C-alpha cells in the first residue's frame, strides 16, 4: 500500500521487479542485491506482476506494450534458481 498524499487515489509507477529468498516459507527472507527485471531488459518498459512455477522454467510478467506505451502486455522469459539467486535466461 502506498501512502496517499492528498484526496483521491495515488498512482505509483515502478520500473523493476525485485525478489527475496528464504530457506523456509515462514522466513526470514533476504532481499536480492539486484532486481530480477528492470526497464530496458528484453526491450520492455515498467515490468511487474511476475508469476511462475516452482523449480524454474517459464516466468511470465506484464509490462507496457510497445504499440501505445499505455496498455499492459504479457511477456515470457526463461528462468532458473542457482545459488540462492534467480537467473533470467
N, C-alpha and C. Protein backbone atom coordinates (compact mmCIF):
# COMPACT_ATOMS: atom_id res chain seq x y z
N UNK A 1 0.85 -1.18 0.00
CA UNK A 1 0.00 0.00 0.00
C UNK A 1 0.89 1.23 0.00
N UNK A 2 0.59 2.14 -0.88
CA UNK A 2 1.35 3.39 -0.95
C UNK A 2 0.56 4.49 -0.27
N UNK A 3 1.24 5.36 0.48
CA UNK A 3 0.51 6.44 1.15
C UNK A 3 -0.08 7.41 0.15
N UNK A 4 -1.23 7.93 0.50
CA UNK A 4 -1.91 8.91 -0.35
C UNK A 4 -1.50 10.30 0.13
N UNK A 5 -1.08 11.14 -0.79
CA UNK A 5 -0.66 12.50 -0.45
C UNK A 5 -1.73 13.48 -0.89
N UNK A 6 -2.86 13.42 -0.24
CA UNK A 6 -3.97 14.29 -0.60
C UNK A 6 -5.21 13.47 -0.90
N UNK A 7 -6.30 14.14 -1.23
CA UNK A 7 -7.53 13.41 -1.50
C UNK A 7 -7.43 12.60 -2.80
N UNK A 8 -8.08 11.47 -2.83
CA UNK A 8 -8.09 10.64 -4.03
C UNK A 8 -6.99 9.61 -4.03
N UNK A 9 -7.02 8.73 -5.02
CA UNK A 9 -6.03 7.65 -5.07
C UNK A 9 -4.67 8.13 -5.53
N UNK A 10 -3.64 7.39 -5.16
CA UNK A 10 -2.28 7.65 -5.62
C UNK A 10 -1.90 6.60 -6.64
N UNK A 11 -1.20 6.98 -7.66
CA UNK A 11 -0.72 6.05 -8.67
C UNK A 11 0.80 6.11 -8.67
N UNK A 12 1.43 4.96 -8.45
CA UNK A 12 2.88 4.90 -8.37
C UNK A 12 3.40 3.99 -9.47
N UNK A 13 4.33 4.46 -10.28
CA UNK A 13 4.92 3.66 -11.34
C UNK A 13 6.27 3.13 -10.88
N UNK A 14 6.49 1.85 -11.06
CA UNK A 14 7.76 1.22 -10.73
C UNK A 14 8.43 0.79 -12.03
N UNK A 15 9.74 0.66 -12.03
CA UNK A 15 10.41 0.22 -13.24
C UNK A 15 11.25 -1.02 -13.04
N UNK A 16 10.98 -1.77 -11.95
CA UNK A 16 11.71 -3.01 -11.77
C UNK A 16 10.88 -4.02 -10.99
N UNK A 17 11.37 -5.26 -10.99
CA UNK A 17 10.79 -6.36 -10.22
C UNK A 17 11.91 -6.90 -9.35
N UNK A 18 11.72 -6.88 -8.04
CA UNK A 18 12.72 -7.41 -7.11
C UNK A 18 12.19 -8.69 -6.48
N UNK A 19 13.06 -9.40 -5.77
CA UNK A 19 12.64 -10.64 -5.12
C UNK A 19 13.49 -10.87 -3.87
N UNK A 20 13.02 -11.80 -3.03
CA UNK A 20 13.74 -12.21 -1.84
C UNK A 20 13.66 -13.72 -1.72
N UNK A 21 14.63 -14.35 -1.07
CA UNK A 21 14.65 -15.80 -0.90
C UNK A 21 14.72 -16.16 0.57
N UNK A 22 14.30 -17.39 0.86
CA UNK A 22 14.36 -17.92 2.22
C UNK A 22 14.48 -19.44 2.14
N UNK A 23 15.06 -20.03 3.16
CA UNK A 23 15.14 -21.49 3.20
C UNK A 23 13.85 -22.10 3.74
N UNK A 24 12.94 -21.26 4.26
CA UNK A 24 11.64 -21.76 4.72
C UNK A 24 10.55 -20.75 4.38
N UNK A 25 9.35 -21.25 4.22
CA UNK A 25 8.22 -20.41 3.85
C UNK A 25 7.99 -19.28 4.86
N UNK A 26 8.22 -19.56 6.14
CA UNK A 26 7.99 -18.57 7.19
C UNK A 26 9.10 -17.53 7.34
N UNK A 27 10.16 -17.67 6.53
CA UNK A 27 11.24 -16.68 6.59
C UNK A 27 12.31 -17.09 7.58
N UNK A 28 13.26 -16.24 7.84
CA UNK A 28 13.36 -14.87 7.35
C UNK A 28 13.76 -14.83 5.87
N UNK A 29 13.40 -13.76 5.20
CA UNK A 29 13.68 -13.57 3.78
C UNK A 29 14.83 -12.59 3.61
N UNK A 30 15.66 -12.85 2.62
CA UNK A 30 16.79 -11.99 2.29
C UNK A 30 16.56 -11.43 0.90
N UNK A 31 16.48 -10.10 0.80
CA UNK A 31 16.25 -9.45 -0.49
C UNK A 31 17.50 -9.57 -1.35
N UNK A 32 17.29 -9.86 -2.62
CA UNK A 32 18.39 -9.94 -3.57
C UNK A 32 19.07 -8.58 -3.70
N UNK A 33 20.37 -8.61 -3.98
CA UNK A 33 21.12 -7.35 -4.14
C UNK A 33 20.85 -6.70 -5.50
N UNK A 34 20.22 -7.43 -6.42
CA UNK A 34 19.90 -6.87 -7.73
C UNK A 34 18.46 -7.23 -8.10
N UNK A 35 17.80 -6.38 -8.86
CA UNK A 35 16.44 -6.68 -9.29
C UNK A 35 16.41 -7.85 -10.27
N UNK A 36 15.27 -8.50 -10.36
CA UNK A 36 15.08 -9.59 -11.30
C UNK A 36 14.91 -9.06 -12.72
N UNK A 37 14.07 -8.05 -12.88
CA UNK A 37 13.81 -7.41 -14.17
C UNK A 37 13.79 -5.91 -13.98
N UNK A 38 14.33 -5.17 -14.92
CA UNK A 38 14.27 -3.71 -14.89
C UNK A 38 13.89 -3.19 -16.27
N UNK A 39 13.40 -1.96 -16.30
CA UNK A 39 13.11 -1.31 -17.57
C UNK A 39 14.35 -1.37 -18.45
N UNK A 40 14.17 -1.79 -19.68
CA UNK A 40 15.28 -1.94 -20.62
C UNK A 40 15.65 -3.38 -20.87
N UNK A 41 15.47 -4.26 -19.86
CA UNK A 41 15.73 -5.69 -20.07
C UNK A 41 14.75 -6.21 -21.11
N UNK A 42 15.24 -6.94 -22.08
CA UNK A 42 14.40 -7.55 -23.12
C UNK A 42 13.56 -6.53 -23.87
N UNK A 43 13.96 -5.26 -23.82
CA UNK A 43 13.24 -4.22 -24.55
C UNK A 43 11.91 -3.84 -23.95
N UNK A 44 11.69 -4.15 -22.66
CA UNK A 44 10.40 -3.83 -22.03
C UNK A 44 10.51 -2.60 -21.13
N UNK A 45 9.36 -1.98 -20.89
CA UNK A 45 9.28 -0.81 -20.02
C UNK A 45 8.33 -1.11 -18.87
N UNK A 46 8.73 -0.78 -17.66
CA UNK A 46 7.92 -0.92 -16.44
C UNK A 46 7.42 -2.34 -16.22
N UNK A 47 8.34 -3.34 -16.10
CA UNK A 47 7.91 -4.70 -15.84
C UNK A 47 7.32 -4.85 -14.44
N UNK A 48 6.43 -5.83 -14.28
CA UNK A 48 5.83 -6.09 -12.97
C UNK A 48 4.99 -7.35 -13.00
N UNK A 49 4.45 -7.71 -11.84
CA UNK A 49 3.49 -8.80 -11.73
C UNK A 49 3.98 -10.14 -12.23
N UNK A 50 5.10 -10.63 -11.73
CA UNK A 50 5.65 -11.89 -12.21
C UNK A 50 4.93 -13.09 -11.61
N UNK A 51 4.95 -14.20 -12.35
CA UNK A 51 4.41 -15.47 -11.88
C UNK A 51 5.17 -16.60 -12.55
N UNK A 52 5.30 -17.73 -11.85
CA UNK A 52 5.98 -18.90 -12.39
C UNK A 52 5.58 -20.12 -11.59
N UNK A 53 6.23 -21.24 -11.88
CA UNK A 53 6.04 -22.45 -11.10
C UNK A 53 7.35 -22.78 -10.40
N UNK A 54 7.28 -23.56 -9.34
CA UNK A 54 8.44 -23.93 -8.56
C UNK A 54 9.46 -24.68 -9.41
N UNK A 55 10.71 -24.33 -9.28
CA UNK A 55 11.78 -25.08 -9.91
C UNK A 55 12.32 -24.52 -11.20
N UNK A 56 11.78 -23.46 -11.69
CA UNK A 56 12.30 -22.85 -12.91
C UNK A 56 11.41 -23.10 -14.12
N UNK A 57 11.91 -22.72 -15.25
CA UNK A 57 11.14 -22.90 -16.47
C UNK A 57 10.77 -21.58 -17.09
N UNK A 58 9.49 -21.24 -16.99
CA UNK A 58 8.98 -20.03 -17.63
C UNK A 58 8.50 -19.03 -16.59
N UNK A 59 8.88 -17.78 -16.78
CA UNK A 59 8.45 -16.68 -15.93
C UNK A 59 7.60 -15.76 -16.80
N UNK A 60 6.37 -15.48 -16.36
CA UNK A 60 5.52 -14.55 -17.10
C UNK A 60 5.40 -13.27 -16.29
N UNK A 61 5.29 -12.15 -17.00
CA UNK A 61 5.16 -10.85 -16.34
C UNK A 61 4.49 -9.89 -17.30
N UNK A 62 4.01 -8.79 -16.75
CA UNK A 62 3.42 -7.77 -17.62
C UNK A 62 4.34 -6.56 -17.67
N UNK A 63 4.23 -5.81 -18.76
CA UNK A 63 4.99 -4.58 -18.97
C UNK A 63 4.21 -3.74 -19.99
N UNK A 64 4.64 -2.53 -20.18
CA UNK A 64 3.95 -1.67 -21.16
C UNK A 64 4.09 -2.25 -22.56
N UNK A 65 3.00 -2.13 -23.33
CA UNK A 65 3.01 -2.57 -24.73
C UNK A 65 3.74 -1.53 -25.57
N UNK A 66 4.47 -1.99 -26.56
CA UNK A 66 5.19 -1.07 -27.44
C UNK A 66 4.24 -0.25 -28.29
N UNK A 67 3.07 -0.81 -28.62
CA UNK A 67 2.18 -0.17 -29.58
C UNK A 67 1.69 1.21 -29.14
N UNK A 68 1.32 1.34 -27.87
CA UNK A 68 0.81 2.64 -27.42
C UNK A 68 1.50 3.17 -26.17
N UNK A 69 2.29 2.35 -25.50
CA UNK A 69 3.01 2.78 -24.31
C UNK A 69 2.15 2.94 -23.08
N UNK A 70 0.85 2.68 -23.19
CA UNK A 70 -0.06 2.83 -22.06
C UNK A 70 -0.64 1.49 -21.61
N UNK A 71 -0.97 0.63 -22.57
CA UNK A 71 -1.56 -0.67 -22.25
C UNK A 71 -0.49 -1.59 -21.67
N UNK A 72 -0.94 -2.68 -21.03
CA UNK A 72 -0.04 -3.68 -20.49
C UNK A 72 -0.15 -4.94 -21.34
N UNK A 73 0.97 -5.56 -21.63
CA UNK A 73 1.03 -6.81 -22.38
C UNK A 73 1.74 -7.86 -21.52
N UNK A 74 1.50 -9.13 -21.82
CA UNK A 74 2.17 -10.22 -21.12
C UNK A 74 3.42 -10.63 -21.90
N UNK A 75 4.47 -10.96 -21.14
CA UNK A 75 5.74 -11.40 -21.72
C UNK A 75 6.18 -12.66 -21.00
N UNK A 76 7.07 -13.43 -21.61
CA UNK A 76 7.57 -14.67 -21.02
C UNK A 76 9.06 -14.77 -21.26
N UNK A 77 9.79 -15.16 -20.22
CA UNK A 77 11.23 -15.44 -20.32
C UNK A 77 11.50 -16.73 -19.56
N UNK A 78 12.65 -17.32 -19.81
CA UNK A 78 13.06 -18.49 -19.04
C UNK A 78 13.76 -18.06 -17.76
N UNK A 79 13.77 -18.97 -16.77
CA UNK A 79 14.50 -18.66 -15.54
C UNK A 79 14.95 -19.95 -14.87
N UNK A 80 15.95 -19.81 -13.99
CA UNK A 80 16.40 -20.93 -13.17
C UNK A 80 16.86 -20.39 -11.82
N UNK A 81 16.90 -21.26 -10.83
CA UNK A 81 17.32 -20.90 -9.49
C UNK A 81 18.70 -21.50 -9.27
N UNK A 82 19.69 -20.65 -8.92
CA UNK A 82 21.06 -21.12 -8.76
C UNK A 82 21.74 -20.35 -7.63
N UNK A 83 22.25 -21.07 -6.63
CA UNK A 83 22.96 -20.45 -5.50
C UNK A 83 22.17 -19.32 -4.86
N UNK A 84 20.91 -19.56 -4.55
CA UNK A 84 20.01 -18.59 -3.91
C UNK A 84 19.75 -17.36 -4.77
N UNK A 85 20.00 -17.46 -6.08
CA UNK A 85 19.70 -16.36 -6.99
C UNK A 85 18.80 -16.85 -8.11
N UNK A 86 17.90 -15.99 -8.53
CA UNK A 86 17.06 -16.27 -9.69
C UNK A 86 17.77 -15.69 -10.90
N UNK A 87 18.01 -16.52 -11.89
CA UNK A 87 18.69 -16.09 -13.11
C UNK A 87 17.71 -16.15 -14.27
N UNK A 88 17.49 -15.03 -14.93
CA UNK A 88 16.64 -14.99 -16.11
C UNK A 88 17.48 -15.44 -17.29
N UNK A 89 16.95 -16.39 -18.06
CA UNK A 89 17.73 -16.96 -19.17
C UNK A 89 17.12 -16.61 -20.51
